[in-house]
Each structure stands twice: as structure tokens, then as C-alpha cells.
Amino acid sequence: MPNLGVPELLIIGLVLVLLFGAKKLPDTARSLGRSLRIFKSETSKLREDDEPAPTATVVQPQPTAAPQPIAQAPADATVEEQARALEEQAARLRAQASTPKSQ
């Protein structure tokens, strides 16, 4: 790939200004920067997940209640109704998980 000099960079900049407009170019650059930050943070999380844990912990199983069937919204339900049903189910599961279990 040939080296890019000043004239080539000026032409690329001019094309970008013509494509996006002078007003939208800062917003486009800002959103590109945010996207790169999100991408970097996600890839660093993946690297952390791949590393083995330094210490081993023993996890003892706790008795659990019988699993509740997943609430299914009717097939003709709207997306909002399906989302509401899933939110209600998630709230029930969070409440069930937060209650202390007696042994």
C-alpha cells in the first residue's frame, strides 16, 4: 500500500466533507469514537473471561424450587405485550432469587 501524503489526505478530507456535510462531520466522528470505545471495552471483557481464575472456589449446590414454566405470550400478541410479559417474568425471578432460602 503506498504511503499517503498531504495531497491524498486533503482529497480524502474533501470527499468526507462533501459526503457528510460540514455540520454532520463532527457528529459522525463523535459516534465513531464512541463505537470504538465500546468495541475496545467489549474485547477487553472477552480477554478477561478467557483468562483462568487464579483461585478455585467450591460451590455448594443449594436446594431450588421447581422451575416455573416460561410464560409465553400468545402468537398474535404485539411486541409490546411480549416485552411486558417478559419483564413481569424477570421481576418474578428477581424477587424469587432475592428472598433468602431456608435450609
C-alpha atoms as a PDB file:
ATOM      1  CA  MET A   1       0.000   0.000   0.000  1.00  0.00           C
ATOM      2  CA  PRO A   2       1.524   3.346  -0.980  1.00  0.00           C
ATOM      3  CA  ASN A   3       2.170   5.965   1.648  1.00  0.00           C
ATOM      4  CA  LEU A   4      -0.464   8.675   1.923  1.00  0.00           C
ATOM      5  CA  GLY A   5       0.917  12.163   1.559  1.00  0.00           C
ATOM      6  CA  VAL A   6      -0.582  15.545   2.305  1.00  0.00           C
ATOM      7  CA  PRO A   7      -2.348  15.902  -1.077  1.00  0.00           C
ATOM      8  CA  GLU A   8      -4.004  12.498  -0.735  1.00  0.00           C
ATOM      9  CA  LEU A   9      -5.169  13.261   2.811  1.00  0.00           C
ATOM     10  CA  LEU A  10      -6.601  16.604   1.668  1.00  0.00           C
ATOM     11  CA  ILE A  11      -8.531  14.883  -1.109  1.00  0.00           C
ATOM     12  CA  ILE A  12      -9.893  12.282   1.356  1.00  0.00           C
ATOM     13  CA  GLY A  13     -10.910  15.073   3.744  1.00  0.00           C
ATOM     14  CA  LEU A  14     -12.627  16.984   0.960  1.00  0.00           C
ATOM     15  CA  VAL A  15     -14.556  13.882  -0.096  1.00  0.00           C
ATOM     16  CA  LEU A  16     -15.660  13.296   3.506  1.00  0.00           C
ATOM     17  CA  VAL A  17     -16.882  16.883   3.817  1.00  0.00           C
ATOM     18  CA  LEU A  18     -18.770  16.552   0.549  1.00  0.00           C
ATOM     19  CA  LEU A  19     -20.343  13.237   1.570  1.00  0.00           C
ATOM     20  CA  PHE A  20     -21.333  14.057   5.135  1.00  0.00           C
ATOM     21  CA  GLY A  21     -21.508  17.831   5.097  1.00  0.00           C
ATOM     22  CA  ALA A  22     -19.572  20.153   7.359  1.00  0.00           C
ATOM     23  CA  LYS A  23     -22.262  20.124  10.059  1.00  0.00           C
ATOM     24  CA  LYS A  24     -22.587  16.351  10.351  1.00  0.00           C
ATOM     25  CA  LEU A  25     -18.870  15.542  10.232  1.00  0.00           C
ATOM     26  CA  PRO A  26     -18.203  16.256  13.967  1.00  0.00           C
ATOM     27  CA  ASP A  27     -21.228  14.154  14.966  1.00  0.00           C
ATOM     28  CA  THR A  28     -20.054  11.334  12.725  1.00  0.00           C
ATOM     29  CA  ALA A  29     -16.548  11.452  14.211  1.00  0.00           C
ATOM     30  CA  ARG A  30     -18.002  11.530  17.741  1.00  0.00           C
ATOM     31  CA  SER A  31     -20.188   8.492  17.118  1.00  0.00           C
ATOM     32  CA  LEU A  32     -17.248   6.659  15.538  1.00  0.00           C
ATOM     33  CA  GLY A  33     -15.182   7.368  18.659  1.00  0.00           C
ATOM     34  CA  ARG A  34     -17.943   6.075  20.930  1.00  0.00           C
ATOM     35  CA  SER A  35     -18.261   2.944  18.841  1.00  0.00           C
ATOM     36  CA  LEU A  36     -14.532   2.299  19.071  1.00  0.00           C
ATOM     37  CA  ARG A  37     -14.585   2.778  22.866  1.00  0.00           C
ATOM     38  CA  ILE A  38     -17.463   0.317  23.217  1.00  0.00           C
ATOM     39  CA  PHE A  39     -15.681  -2.152  20.946  1.00  0.00           C
ATOM     40  CA  LYS A  40     -12.457  -1.895  22.971  1.00  0.00           C
ATOM     41  CA  SER A  41     -14.264  -2.378  26.282  1.00  0.00           C
ATOM     42  CA  GLU A  42     -16.118  -5.428  24.978  1.00  0.00           C
ATOM     43  CA  THR A  43     -12.934  -7.019  23.621  1.00  0.00           C
ATOM     44  CA  SER A  44     -11.154  -6.414  26.931  1.00  0.00           C
ATOM     45  CA  LYS A  45     -14.052  -8.114  28.736  1.00  0.00           C
ATOM     46  CA  LEU A  46     -13.682 -11.092  26.396  1.00  0.00           C
ATOM     47  CA  ARG A  47      -9.971 -11.308  27.190  1.00  0.00           C
ATOM     48  CA  GLU A  48     -10.725 -11.215  30.932  1.00  0.00           C
ATOM     49  CA  ASP A  49     -13.276 -14.010  30.510  1.00  0.00           C
ATOM     50  CA  ASP A  50     -10.744 -16.182  28.677  1.00  0.00           C
ATOM     51  CA  GLU A  51      -8.166 -15.992  31.484  1.00  0.00           C
ATOM     52  CA  PRO A  52      -8.461 -18.784  34.084  1.00  0.00           C
ATOM     53  CA  ALA A  53      -9.446 -17.826  37.600  1.00  0.00           C
ATOM     54  CA  PRO A  54      -6.416 -17.554  39.918  1.00  0.00           C
ATOM     55  CA  THR A  55      -8.113 -19.355  42.805  1.00  0.00           C
ATOM     56  CA  ALA A  56     -10.513 -22.232  42.849  1.00  0.00           C
ATOM     57  CA  THR A  57     -13.721 -21.879  44.820  1.00  0.00           C
ATOM     58  CA  VAL A  58     -16.005 -24.637  45.952  1.00  0.00           C
ATOM     59  CA  VAL A  59     -19.628 -24.039  45.101  1.00  0.00           C
ATOM     60  CA  GLN A  60     -22.149 -25.978  47.093  1.00  0.00           C
ATOM     61  CA  PRO A  61     -25.466 -26.579  45.395  1.00  0.00           C
ATOM     62  CA  GLN A  62     -28.451 -25.055  47.085  1.00  0.00           C
ATOM     63  CA  PRO A  63     -31.880 -26.581  47.001  1.00  0.00           C
ATOM     64  CA  THR A  64     -34.036 -24.889  44.451  1.00  0.00           C
ATOM     65  CA  ALA A  65     -37.722 -24.728  43.916  1.00  0.00           C
ATOM     66  CA  ALA A  66     -39.284 -26.479  40.981  1.00  0.00           C
ATOM     67  CA  PRO A  67     -38.642 -24.465  37.841  1.00  0.00           C
ATOM     68  CA  GLN A  68     -41.527 -22.337  36.777  1.00  0.00           C
ATOM     69  CA  PRO A  69     -42.709 -22.683  33.218  1.00  0.00           C
ATOM     70  CA  ILE A  70     -41.766 -19.819  30.966  1.00  0.00           C
ATOM     71  CA  ALA A  71     -44.727 -17.594  30.326  1.00  0.00           C
ATOM     72  CA  GLN A  72     -45.415 -17.468  26.620  1.00  0.00           C
ATOM     73  CA  ALA A  73     -47.354 -14.626  25.111  1.00  0.00           C
ATOM     74  CA  PRO A  74     -49.952 -15.592  22.533  1.00  0.00           C
ATOM     75  CA  ALA A  75     -48.681 -15.758  18.965  1.00  0.00           C
ATOM     76  CA  ASP A  76     -50.864 -12.827  17.911  1.00  0.00           C
ATOM     77  CA  ALA A  77     -49.621 -10.609  20.782  1.00  0.00           C
ATOM     78  CA  THR A  78     -47.834  -7.399  19.897  1.00  0.00           C
ATOM     79  CA  VAL A  79     -44.169  -6.852  20.585  1.00  0.00           C
ATOM     80  CA  GLU A  80     -45.059  -4.545  23.459  1.00  0.00           C
ATOM     81  CA  GLU A  81     -47.247  -7.222  25.082  1.00  0.00           C
ATOM     82  CA  GLN A  82     -44.493  -9.822  24.692  1.00  0.00           C
ATOM     83  CA  ALA A  83     -41.958  -7.418  26.208  1.00  0.00           C
ATOM     84  CA  ARG A  84     -44.301  -6.667  29.117  1.00  0.00           C
ATOM     85  CA  ALA A  85     -44.796 -10.394  29.771  1.00  0.00           C
ATOM     86  CA  LEU A  86     -41.028 -10.963  29.757  1.00  0.00           C
ATOM     87  CA  GLU A  87     -40.469  -8.013  32.112  1.00  0.00           C
ATOM     88  CA  GLU A  88     -43.063  -9.395  34.545  1.00  0.00           C
ATOM     89  CA  GLN A  89     -41.430 -12.816  34.447  1.00  0.00           C
ATOM     90  CA  ALA A  90     -37.988 -11.280  35.034  1.00  0.00           C
ATOM     91  CA  ALA A  91     -39.344  -9.337  38.026  1.00  0.00           C
ATOM     92  CA  ARG A  92     -40.787 -12.535  39.496  1.00  0.00           C
ATOM     93  CA  LEU A  93     -37.490 -14.353  39.040  1.00  0.00           C
ATOM     94  CA  ARG A  94     -35.523 -11.471  40.619  1.00  0.00           C
ATOM     95  CA  ALA A  95     -37.901 -11.442  43.593  1.00  0.00           C
ATOM     96  CA  GLN A  96     -37.577 -15.200  43.942  1.00  0.00           C
ATOM     97  CA  ALA A  97     -33.780 -15.013  43.791  1.00  0.00           C
ATOM     98  CA  SER A  98     -33.569 -12.190  46.338  1.00  0.00           C
ATOM     99  CA  THR A  99     -35.630 -13.981  49.004  1.00  0.00           C
ATOM    100  CA  PRO A 100     -33.442 -15.923  51.468  1.00  0.00           C
ATOM    101  CA  LYS A 101     -33.912 -19.658  51.272  1.00  0.00           C
ATOM    102  CA  SER A 102     -34.224 -21.695  54.451  1.00  0.00           C
ATOM    103  CA  GLN A 103     -32.282 -24.944  54.597  1.00  0.00           C
END
